[in-house]
Amino acid sequence: MSTAIFFASTTGNSDEVASKISSALGKIEVFNLANTKVERINEYDKIILGGSTWGDGELNDDWEDAWGDFCKLNLSKKTVALFGLGDQESYSDEFCSALGEIYKQVVSLGATVVGFTSTNGYHHDSSKAQIDNKFVGLVIDEDNQSELTDKRIEDWVKDIKEDIL
């Protein structure tokens, strides 16, 4: 079984979070979708997908560019964990909603999703990444709660480690 992280980053925050997750899991491979074909996901049994939310809950440009090919993948035998970045104060009504879009697509492609996290400690109005009182993955707000990032990553990695490695 092999595991890798695939992410898209516009400002570098998703890149930094992906690197921290990789280190916490024992230096697994990390691929930026800006310079990696999304089909590389086929080479791995277990994947972590991540990125940030832009505008009114949209995927960032690199995810948008890869989206058509991503939607053609078969993830039916894969375990997937998700992480997303957003700004809960400036975009309270669409906080990390791009993560919810990725989640919906991953589920429709047949993947098993692990790593849901509590919404406790976040202050937002709505999110497509939220089901009841859980987010569909790790949610990070570097703009308003950067001091919580390392602890959130540490806790999430402990939660997913058995399923994702």
N, C-alpha and C. Protein backbone atom coordinates (compact mmCIF):
# COMPACT_ATOMS: atom_id res chain seq x y z
N MET A 1 0.85 -1.18 0.00
CA MET A 1 0.00 0.00 0.00
C MET A 1 0.89 1.24 0.00
N SER A 2 0.51 2.20 -0.79
CA SER A 2 1.27 3.44 -0.84
C SER A 2 0.35 4.63 -0.65
N THR A 3 0.92 5.68 -0.07
CA THR A 3 0.15 6.87 0.26
C THR A 3 0.87 8.10 -0.29
N ALA A 4 0.08 9.06 -0.79
CA ALA A 4 0.65 10.33 -1.26
C ALA A 4 -0.36 11.44 -1.03
N ILE A 5 0.17 12.67 -0.99
CA ILE A 5 -0.64 13.87 -0.85
C ILE A 5 -0.65 14.60 -2.18
N PHE A 6 -1.84 15.00 -2.62
CA PHE A 6 -2.00 15.81 -3.81
C PHE A 6 -2.75 17.07 -3.39
N PHE A 7 -2.22 18.24 -3.74
CA PHE A 7 -2.82 19.48 -3.30
C PHE A 7 -2.67 20.54 -4.38
N ALA A 8 -3.41 21.62 -4.21
CA ALA A 8 -3.26 22.81 -5.03
C ALA A 8 -3.13 24.00 -4.09
N SER A 9 -2.24 24.92 -4.42
CA SER A 9 -1.99 26.07 -3.55
C SER A 9 -1.79 27.31 -4.38
N THR A 10 -2.45 28.37 -4.00
CA THR A 10 -2.29 29.65 -4.69
C THR A 10 -1.31 30.55 -3.93
N THR A 11 -1.45 30.62 -2.62
CA THR A 11 -0.63 31.53 -1.82
C THR A 11 0.52 30.83 -1.10
N GLY A 12 0.54 29.49 -1.14
CA GLY A 12 1.57 28.74 -0.44
C GLY A 12 1.11 28.13 0.87
N ASN A 13 -0.04 28.55 1.38
CA ASN A 13 -0.51 27.99 2.64
C ASN A 13 -0.84 26.50 2.54
N SER A 14 -1.50 26.09 1.46
CA SER A 14 -1.82 24.67 1.28
C SER A 14 -0.55 23.85 1.12
N ASP A 15 0.44 24.42 0.47
CA ASP A 15 1.74 23.77 0.31
C ASP A 15 2.38 23.52 1.67
N GLU A 16 2.34 24.53 2.52
CA GLU A 16 2.91 24.41 3.86
C GLU A 16 2.16 23.36 4.69
N VAL A 17 0.84 23.36 4.63
CA VAL A 17 0.05 22.39 5.38
C VAL A 17 0.32 20.98 4.84
N ALA A 18 0.39 20.82 3.54
CA ALA A 18 0.69 19.50 2.95
C ALA A 18 2.05 18.99 3.44
N SER A 19 3.04 19.87 3.50
CA SER A 19 4.37 19.48 3.99
C SER A 19 4.32 19.05 5.46
N LYS A 20 3.57 19.78 6.26
CA LYS A 20 3.44 19.43 7.69
C LYS A 20 2.74 18.08 7.85
N ILE A 21 1.72 17.83 7.06
CA ILE A 21 1.02 16.54 7.12
C ILE A 21 1.97 15.42 6.71
N SER A 22 2.72 15.64 5.64
CA SER A 22 3.69 14.65 5.17
C SER A 22 4.70 14.31 6.26
N SER A 23 5.25 15.33 6.89
CA SER A 23 6.22 15.10 7.96
C SER A 23 5.61 14.34 9.12
N ALA A 24 4.39 14.70 9.49
CA ALA A 24 3.72 14.03 10.61
C ALA A 24 3.42 12.56 10.31
N LEU A 25 3.26 12.25 9.02
CA LEU A 25 2.98 10.86 8.63
C LEU A 25 4.25 10.09 8.25
N GLY A 26 5.39 10.71 8.36
CA GLY A 26 6.64 10.02 8.06
C GLY A 26 7.18 10.32 6.68
N LYS A 27 7.01 11.54 6.23
CA LYS A 27 7.56 11.99 4.95
C LYS A 27 7.01 11.24 3.75
N ILE A 28 5.71 11.15 3.64
CA ILE A 28 5.11 10.56 2.44
C ILE A 28 5.24 11.55 1.28
N GLU A 29 5.11 11.05 0.06
CA GLU A 29 5.27 11.89 -1.12
C GLU A 29 4.19 12.95 -1.21
N VAL A 30 4.58 14.12 -1.71
CA VAL A 30 3.68 15.26 -1.84
C VAL A 30 3.77 15.77 -3.28
N PHE A 31 2.58 15.99 -3.89
CA PHE A 31 2.53 16.46 -5.27
C PHE A 31 1.65 17.70 -5.37
N ASN A 32 2.19 18.74 -6.00
CA ASN A 32 1.45 19.96 -6.25
C ASN A 32 0.76 19.81 -7.61
N LEU A 33 -0.55 19.97 -7.66
CA LEU A 33 -1.28 19.81 -8.91
C LEU A 33 -0.93 20.86 -9.95
N ALA A 34 -0.22 21.89 -9.55
CA ALA A 34 0.23 22.90 -10.51
C ALA A 34 1.24 22.32 -11.49
N ASN A 35 1.98 21.30 -11.05
CA ASN A 35 2.99 20.71 -11.94
C ASN A 35 2.97 19.18 -11.92
N THR A 36 1.81 18.60 -11.58
CA THR A 36 1.65 17.15 -11.55
C THR A 36 0.33 16.79 -12.21
N LYS A 37 0.36 15.83 -13.09
CA LYS A 37 -0.89 15.35 -13.70
C LYS A 37 -1.72 14.64 -12.64
N VAL A 38 -3.00 14.94 -12.58
CA VAL A 38 -3.88 14.37 -11.57
C VAL A 38 -3.98 12.84 -11.71
N GLU A 39 -3.71 12.32 -12.86
CA GLU A 39 -3.74 10.86 -13.07
C GLU A 39 -2.70 10.12 -12.23
N ARG A 40 -1.72 10.82 -11.70
CA ARG A 40 -0.74 10.19 -10.81
C ARG A 40 -1.42 9.60 -9.58
N ILE A 41 -2.61 10.08 -9.25
CA ILE A 41 -3.37 9.52 -8.14
C ILE A 41 -3.58 8.03 -8.33
N ASN A 42 -3.68 7.59 -9.57
CA ASN A 42 -3.88 6.16 -9.86
C ASN A 42 -2.74 5.28 -9.34
N GLU A 43 -1.59 5.84 -9.09
CA GLU A 43 -0.42 5.09 -8.64
C GLU A 43 -0.46 4.77 -7.15
N TYR A 44 -1.43 5.33 -6.43
CA TYR A 44 -1.48 5.20 -4.97
C TYR A 44 -2.80 4.59 -4.52
N ASP A 45 -2.71 3.80 -3.46
CA ASP A 45 -3.90 3.17 -2.88
C ASP A 45 -4.60 4.09 -1.90
N LYS A 46 -3.82 4.94 -1.26
CA LYS A 46 -4.35 5.84 -0.24
C LYS A 46 -3.85 7.23 -0.55
N ILE A 47 -4.78 8.18 -0.55
CA ILE A 47 -4.41 9.54 -0.94
C ILE A 47 -5.00 10.57 0.01
N ILE A 48 -4.28 11.66 0.11
CA ILE A 48 -4.75 12.82 0.85
C ILE A 48 -4.85 13.94 -0.18
N LEU A 49 -6.02 14.56 -0.25
CA LEU A 49 -6.26 15.64 -1.20
C LEU A 49 -6.50 16.93 -0.44
N GLY A 50 -5.95 18.03 -0.94
CA GLY A 50 -6.15 19.29 -0.25
C GLY A 50 -6.05 20.50 -1.13
N GLY A 51 -6.52 21.59 -0.57
CA GLY A 51 -6.47 22.86 -1.26
C GLY A 51 -7.26 23.91 -0.51
N SER A 52 -7.32 25.09 -1.09
CA SER A 52 -8.00 26.19 -0.43
C SER A 52 -9.27 26.58 -1.18
N THR A 53 -10.09 27.33 -0.51
CA THR A 53 -11.33 27.83 -1.08
C THR A 53 -11.12 29.27 -1.52
N TRP A 54 -11.64 29.60 -2.68
CA TRP A 54 -11.51 30.95 -3.23
C TRP A 54 -12.87 31.53 -3.54
N GLY A 55 -12.97 32.83 -3.50
CA GLY A 55 -14.20 33.53 -3.88
C GLY A 55 -15.40 33.03 -3.12
N ASP A 56 -16.42 32.70 -3.85
CA ASP A 56 -17.68 32.24 -3.25
C ASP A 56 -17.72 30.73 -3.14
N GLY A 57 -16.71 30.15 -2.50
CA GLY A 57 -16.69 28.71 -2.27
C GLY A 57 -16.12 27.89 -3.40
N GLU A 58 -15.28 28.49 -4.22
CA GLU A 58 -14.76 27.83 -5.40
C GLU A 58 -13.39 27.17 -5.16
N LEU A 59 -13.10 26.19 -6.01
CA LEU A 59 -11.77 25.58 -6.04
C LEU A 59 -10.77 26.62 -6.53
N ASN A 60 -9.51 26.47 -6.13
CA ASN A 60 -8.52 27.39 -6.66
C ASN A 60 -8.20 27.02 -8.11
N ASP A 61 -7.43 27.85 -8.79
CA ASP A 61 -7.21 27.69 -10.23
C ASP A 61 -6.58 26.35 -10.60
N ASP A 62 -5.61 25.87 -9.83
CA ASP A 62 -4.95 24.61 -10.18
C ASP A 62 -5.90 23.42 -10.03
N TRP A 63 -6.76 23.44 -9.01
CA TRP A 63 -7.78 22.40 -8.88
C TRP A 63 -8.76 22.50 -10.05
N GLU A 64 -9.16 23.71 -10.40
CA GLU A 64 -10.07 23.91 -11.54
C GLU A 64 -9.47 23.33 -12.81
N ASP A 65 -8.18 23.58 -13.04
CA ASP A 65 -7.51 23.08 -14.24
C ASP A 65 -7.48 21.55 -14.28
N ALA A 66 -7.35 20.92 -13.13
CA ALA A 66 -7.25 19.45 -13.05
C ALA A 66 -8.61 18.78 -12.93
N TRP A 67 -9.66 19.54 -12.67
CA TRP A 67 -10.96 19.00 -12.29
C TRP A 67 -11.55 18.03 -13.32
N GLY A 68 -11.51 18.38 -14.58
CA GLY A 68 -12.07 17.51 -15.62
C GLY A 68 -11.44 16.12 -15.61
N ASP A 69 -10.12 16.07 -15.53
CA ASP A 69 -9.42 14.78 -15.48
C ASP A 69 -9.65 14.08 -14.15
N PHE A 70 -9.71 14.85 -13.06
CA PHE A 70 -9.96 14.26 -11.75
C PHE A 70 -11.31 13.55 -11.73
N CYS A 71 -12.30 14.15 -12.33
CA CYS A 71 -13.66 13.58 -12.33
C CYS A 71 -13.76 12.27 -13.12
N LYS A 72 -12.75 11.95 -13.88
CA LYS A 72 -12.74 10.70 -14.67
C LYS A 72 -12.03 9.55 -13.95
N LEU A 73 -11.42 9.83 -12.79
CA LEU A 73 -10.68 8.80 -12.07
C LEU A 73 -11.62 7.78 -11.45
N ASN A 74 -11.10 6.58 -11.24
CA ASN A 74 -11.82 5.54 -10.50
C ASN A 74 -11.17 5.44 -9.13
N LEU A 75 -11.89 5.85 -8.11
CA LEU A 75 -11.34 5.82 -6.76
C LEU A 75 -11.97 4.73 -5.90
N SER A 76 -12.63 3.78 -6.54
CA SER A 76 -13.43 2.79 -5.80
C SER A 76 -12.63 1.91 -4.84
N LYS A 77 -11.36 1.76 -5.04
CA LYS A 77 -10.57 0.92 -4.13
C LYS A 77 -9.58 1.76 -3.33
N LYS A 78 -9.86 3.05 -3.24
CA LYS A 78 -8.93 3.95 -2.56
C LYS A 78 -9.52 4.50 -1.27
N THR A 79 -8.62 4.73 -0.32
CA THR A 79 -8.97 5.43 0.91
C THR A 79 -8.47 6.85 0.76
N VAL A 80 -9.33 7.81 1.07
CA VAL A 80 -9.01 9.22 0.86
C VAL A 80 -9.25 10.00 2.14
N ALA A 81 -8.31 10.88 2.45
CA ALA A 81 -8.47 11.87 3.51
C ALA A 81 -8.36 13.24 2.85
N LEU A 82 -9.04 14.22 3.42
CA LEU A 82 -9.12 15.54 2.81
C LEU A 82 -8.69 16.63 3.78
N PHE A 83 -8.05 17.67 3.24
CA PHE A 83 -7.79 18.87 4.05
C PHE A 83 -8.09 20.10 3.21
N GLY A 84 -8.57 21.13 3.89
CA GLY A 84 -8.90 22.36 3.19
C GLY A 84 -8.56 23.57 4.02
N LEU A 85 -8.30 24.66 3.33
CA LEU A 85 -8.00 25.93 3.97
C LEU A 85 -9.04 26.96 3.58
N GLY A 86 -9.36 27.82 4.53
CA GLY A 86 -10.33 28.87 4.26
C GLY A 86 -10.21 29.98 5.29
N ASP A 87 -11.03 31.00 5.09
CA ASP A 87 -11.05 32.17 5.96
C ASP A 87 -12.46 32.28 6.54
N GLN A 88 -12.61 31.90 7.79
CA GLN A 88 -13.94 31.83 8.40
C GLN A 88 -14.52 33.20 8.75
N GLU A 89 -13.71 34.22 8.78
CA GLU A 89 -14.23 35.55 9.09
C GLU A 89 -14.67 36.30 7.82
N SER A 90 -13.81 36.37 6.83
CA SER A 90 -14.14 37.09 5.60
C SER A 90 -15.12 36.33 4.72
N TYR A 91 -15.10 35.00 4.80
CA TYR A 91 -15.97 34.17 3.96
C TYR A 91 -16.76 33.20 4.83
N SER A 92 -17.43 33.74 5.82
CA SER A 92 -18.15 32.94 6.81
C SER A 92 -19.26 32.09 6.20
N ASP A 93 -19.83 32.54 5.09
CA ASP A 93 -20.94 31.81 4.47
C ASP A 93 -20.48 30.73 3.49
N GLU A 94 -19.20 30.67 3.18
CA GLU A 94 -18.66 29.66 2.26
C GLU A 94 -17.35 29.07 2.79
N PHE A 95 -17.20 29.04 4.12
CA PHE A 95 -15.95 28.62 4.73
C PHE A 95 -15.55 27.22 4.29
N CYS A 96 -14.42 27.10 3.64
CA CYS A 96 -13.85 25.83 3.16
C CYS A 96 -14.81 25.05 2.27
N SER A 97 -15.70 25.73 1.56
CA SER A 97 -16.68 25.05 0.73
C SER A 97 -16.06 24.27 -0.43
N ALA A 98 -14.90 24.68 -0.91
CA ALA A 98 -14.25 23.91 -1.98
C ALA A 98 -13.95 22.49 -1.50
N LEU A 99 -13.62 22.34 -0.24
CA LEU A 99 -13.39 21.02 0.33
C LEU A 99 -14.64 20.16 0.21
N GLY A 100 -15.80 20.76 0.40
CA GLY A 100 -17.05 20.04 0.23
C GLY A 100 -17.26 19.59 -1.21
N GLU A 101 -16.85 20.40 -2.16
CA GLU A 101 -16.96 20.01 -3.58
C GLU A 101 -16.05 18.82 -3.88
N ILE A 102 -14.84 18.87 -3.36
CA ILE A 102 -13.91 17.75 -3.56
C ILE A 102 -14.48 16.49 -2.91
N TYR A 103 -15.00 16.62 -1.71
CA TYR A 103 -15.61 15.49 -1.00
C TYR A 103 -16.72 14.86 -1.82
N LYS A 104 -17.65 15.67 -2.32
CA LYS A 104 -18.76 15.13 -3.11
C LYS A 104 -18.25 14.34 -4.31
N GLN A 105 -17.23 14.88 -4.98
CA GLN A 105 -16.70 14.20 -6.16
C GLN A 105 -15.98 12.91 -5.78
N VAL A 106 -15.20 12.93 -4.72
CA VAL A 106 -14.48 11.74 -4.26
C VAL A 106 -15.46 10.62 -3.92
N VAL A 107 -16.53 10.96 -3.23
CA VAL A 107 -17.55 9.97 -2.88
C VAL A 107 -18.21 9.43 -4.14
N SER A 108 -18.53 10.30 -5.10
CA SER A 108 -19.17 9.85 -6.34
C SER A 108 -18.24 8.95 -7.17
N LEU A 109 -16.93 9.10 -6.96
CA LEU A 109 -15.96 8.26 -7.67
C LEU A 109 -15.67 6.96 -6.92
N GLY A 110 -16.36 6.74 -5.78
CA GLY A 110 -16.30 5.47 -5.08
C GLY A 110 -15.31 5.33 -3.96
N ALA A 111 -14.64 6.40 -3.57
CA ALA A 111 -13.62 6.31 -2.51
C ALA A 111 -14.24 6.15 -1.13
N THR A 112 -13.45 5.59 -0.23
CA THR A 112 -13.77 5.56 1.19
C THR A 112 -13.09 6.77 1.81
N VAL A 113 -13.86 7.63 2.45
CA VAL A 113 -13.31 8.86 3.02
C VAL A 113 -13.15 8.69 4.52
N VAL A 114 -11.97 9.07 5.02
CA VAL A 114 -11.67 9.03 6.45
C VAL A 114 -11.23 10.42 6.90
N GLY A 115 -11.24 10.66 8.21
CA GLY A 115 -10.67 11.89 8.73
C GLY A 115 -11.63 13.04 8.94
N PHE A 116 -12.91 12.75 9.17
CA PHE A 116 -13.85 13.82 9.48
C PHE A 116 -13.42 14.48 10.79
N THR A 117 -13.66 15.78 10.93
CA THR A 117 -13.25 16.50 12.13
C THR A 117 -14.42 17.33 12.68
N SER A 118 -14.33 17.65 13.95
CA SER A 118 -15.36 18.43 14.63
C SER A 118 -15.35 19.88 14.16
N THR A 119 -16.53 20.49 14.16
CA THR A 119 -16.64 21.92 13.85
C THR A 119 -16.42 22.79 15.08
N ASN A 120 -16.22 22.17 16.24
CA ASN A 120 -15.97 22.94 17.47
C ASN A 120 -14.72 23.80 17.31
N GLY A 121 -14.81 25.04 17.77
CA GLY A 121 -13.67 25.94 17.70
C GLY A 121 -13.63 26.80 16.46
N TYR A 122 -14.55 26.58 15.54
CA TYR A 122 -14.64 27.39 14.32
C TYR A 122 -15.85 28.31 14.44
N HIS A 123 -15.79 29.45 13.77
CA HIS A 123 -16.86 30.43 13.86
C HIS A 123 -17.24 30.87 12.44
N HIS A 124 -18.18 30.16 11.85
CA HIS A 124 -18.61 30.45 10.49
C HIS A 124 -20.13 30.25 10.40
N ASP A 125 -20.71 30.74 9.33
CA ASP A 125 -22.16 30.61 9.16
C ASP A 125 -22.54 29.34 8.43
N SER A 126 -21.81 29.00 7.38
CA SER A 126 -22.12 27.78 6.64
C SER A 126 -20.90 27.32 5.84
N SER A 127 -20.95 26.05 5.45
CA SER A 127 -19.86 25.46 4.67
C SER A 127 -20.36 24.21 3.97
N LYS A 128 -20.02 24.07 2.70
CA LYS A 128 -20.34 22.85 1.97
C LYS A 128 -19.47 21.68 2.43
N ALA A 129 -18.47 21.99 3.24
CA ALA A 129 -17.58 20.95 3.78
C ALA A 129 -18.09 20.43 5.12
N GLN A 130 -19.26 20.86 5.53
CA GLN A 130 -19.81 20.47 6.83
C GLN A 130 -21.04 19.58 6.66
N ILE A 131 -21.02 18.45 7.37
CA ILE A 131 -22.16 17.56 7.46
C ILE A 131 -22.49 17.43 8.94
N ASP A 132 -23.66 17.92 9.30
CA ASP A 132 -24.05 17.99 10.70
C ASP A 132 -22.99 18.78 11.47
N ASN A 133 -22.38 18.20 12.50
CA ASN A 133 -21.36 18.92 13.29
C ASN A 133 -19.95 18.47 12.97
N LYS A 134 -19.74 17.99 11.75
CA LYS A 134 -18.42 17.52 11.33
C LYS A 134 -18.04 18.15 10.00
N PHE A 135 -16.76 18.42 9.87
CA PHE A 135 -16.20 18.76 8.56
C PHE A 135 -15.79 17.45 7.89
N VAL A 136 -15.78 17.43 6.56
CA VAL A 136 -15.46 16.22 5.81
C VAL A 136 -13.95 15.93 5.80
N GLY A 137 -13.18 16.73 6.48
CA GLY A 137 -11.74 16.54 6.57
C GLY A 137 -11.14 17.55 7.53
N LEU A 138 -9.83 17.67 7.49
CA LEU A 138 -9.12 18.65 8.29
C LEU A 138 -9.37 20.04 7.71
N VAL A 139 -9.76 20.97 8.55
CA VAL A 139 -10.02 22.35 8.12
C VAL A 139 -9.06 23.28 8.85
N ILE A 140 -8.39 24.12 8.07
CA ILE A 140 -7.37 25.03 8.59
C ILE A 140 -7.73 26.46 8.19
N ASP A 141 -7.61 27.38 9.13
CA ASP A 141 -7.80 28.80 8.86
C ASP A 141 -6.51 29.53 9.24
N GLU A 142 -5.61 29.64 8.27
CA GLU A 142 -4.33 30.31 8.50
C GLU A 142 -4.49 31.82 8.68
N ASP A 143 -5.60 32.38 8.19
CA ASP A 143 -5.81 33.82 8.29
C ASP A 143 -6.21 34.26 9.69
N ASN A 144 -6.97 33.42 10.38
CA ASN A 144 -7.53 33.83 11.67
C ASN A 144 -7.15 32.94 12.85
N GLN A 145 -6.71 31.71 12.58
CA GLN A 145 -6.38 30.79 13.67
C GLN A 145 -5.09 30.02 13.39
N SER A 146 -4.09 30.70 12.88
CA SER A 146 -2.84 30.03 12.53
C SER A 146 -2.17 29.38 13.74
N GLU A 147 -2.42 29.92 14.92
CA GLU A 147 -1.83 29.35 16.13
C GLU A 147 -2.38 27.97 16.45
N LEU A 148 -3.48 27.57 15.83
CA LEU A 148 -4.09 26.25 16.05
C LEU A 148 -3.71 25.23 14.98
N THR A 149 -3.04 25.66 13.94
CA THR A 149 -2.76 24.79 12.79
C THR A 149 -1.97 23.54 13.18
N ASP A 150 -0.85 23.71 13.86
CA ASP A 150 0.00 22.55 14.17
C ASP A 150 -0.73 21.52 15.03
N LYS A 151 -1.47 21.98 16.01
CA LYS A 151 -2.22 21.07 16.89
C LYS A 151 -3.33 20.37 16.10
N ARG A 152 -4.01 21.10 15.23
CA ARG A 152 -5.07 20.48 14.41
C ARG A 152 -4.49 19.42 13.49
N ILE A 153 -3.34 19.70 12.90
CA ILE A 153 -2.69 18.70 12.04
C ILE A 153 -2.29 17.48 12.87
N GLU A 154 -1.67 17.72 14.00
CA GLU A 154 -1.23 16.63 14.88
C GLU A 154 -2.41 15.73 15.27
N ASP A 155 -3.50 16.31 15.71
CA ASP A 155 -4.67 15.53 16.12
C ASP A 155 -5.27 14.76 14.95
N TRP A 156 -5.36 15.41 13.79
CA TRP A 156 -5.95 14.77 12.61
C TRP A 156 -5.09 13.60 12.13
N VAL A 157 -3.79 13.81 12.11
CA VAL A 157 -2.88 12.74 11.68
C VAL A 157 -3.01 11.52 12.60
N LYS A 158 -3.11 11.75 13.91
CA LYS A 158 -3.32 10.63 14.83
C LYS A 158 -4.60 9.87 14.49
N ASP A 159 -5.63 10.62 14.12
CA ASP A 159 -6.93 10.04 13.78
C ASP A 159 -6.90 9.21 12.50
N ILE A 160 -6.18 9.67 11.48
CA ILE A 160 -6.21 9.00 10.17
C ILE A 160 -5.08 8.01 9.97
N LYS A 161 -4.04 8.06 10.78
CA LYS A 161 -2.81 7.30 10.54
C LYS A 161 -3.07 5.82 10.25
N GLU A 162 -3.89 5.18 11.05
CA GLU A 162 -4.14 3.75 10.86
C GLU A 162 -4.81 3.47 9.52
N ASP A 163 -5.69 4.35 9.08
CA ASP A 163 -6.43 4.14 7.84
C ASP A 163 -5.66 4.58 6.60
N ILE A 164 -4.76 5.55 6.74
CA ILE A 164 -4.16 6.17 5.56
C ILE A 164 -2.74 5.67 5.26
N LEU A 165 -2.10 4.99 6.20
CA LEU A 165 -0.74 4.48 5.92
C LEU A 165 -0.76 2.98 5.66
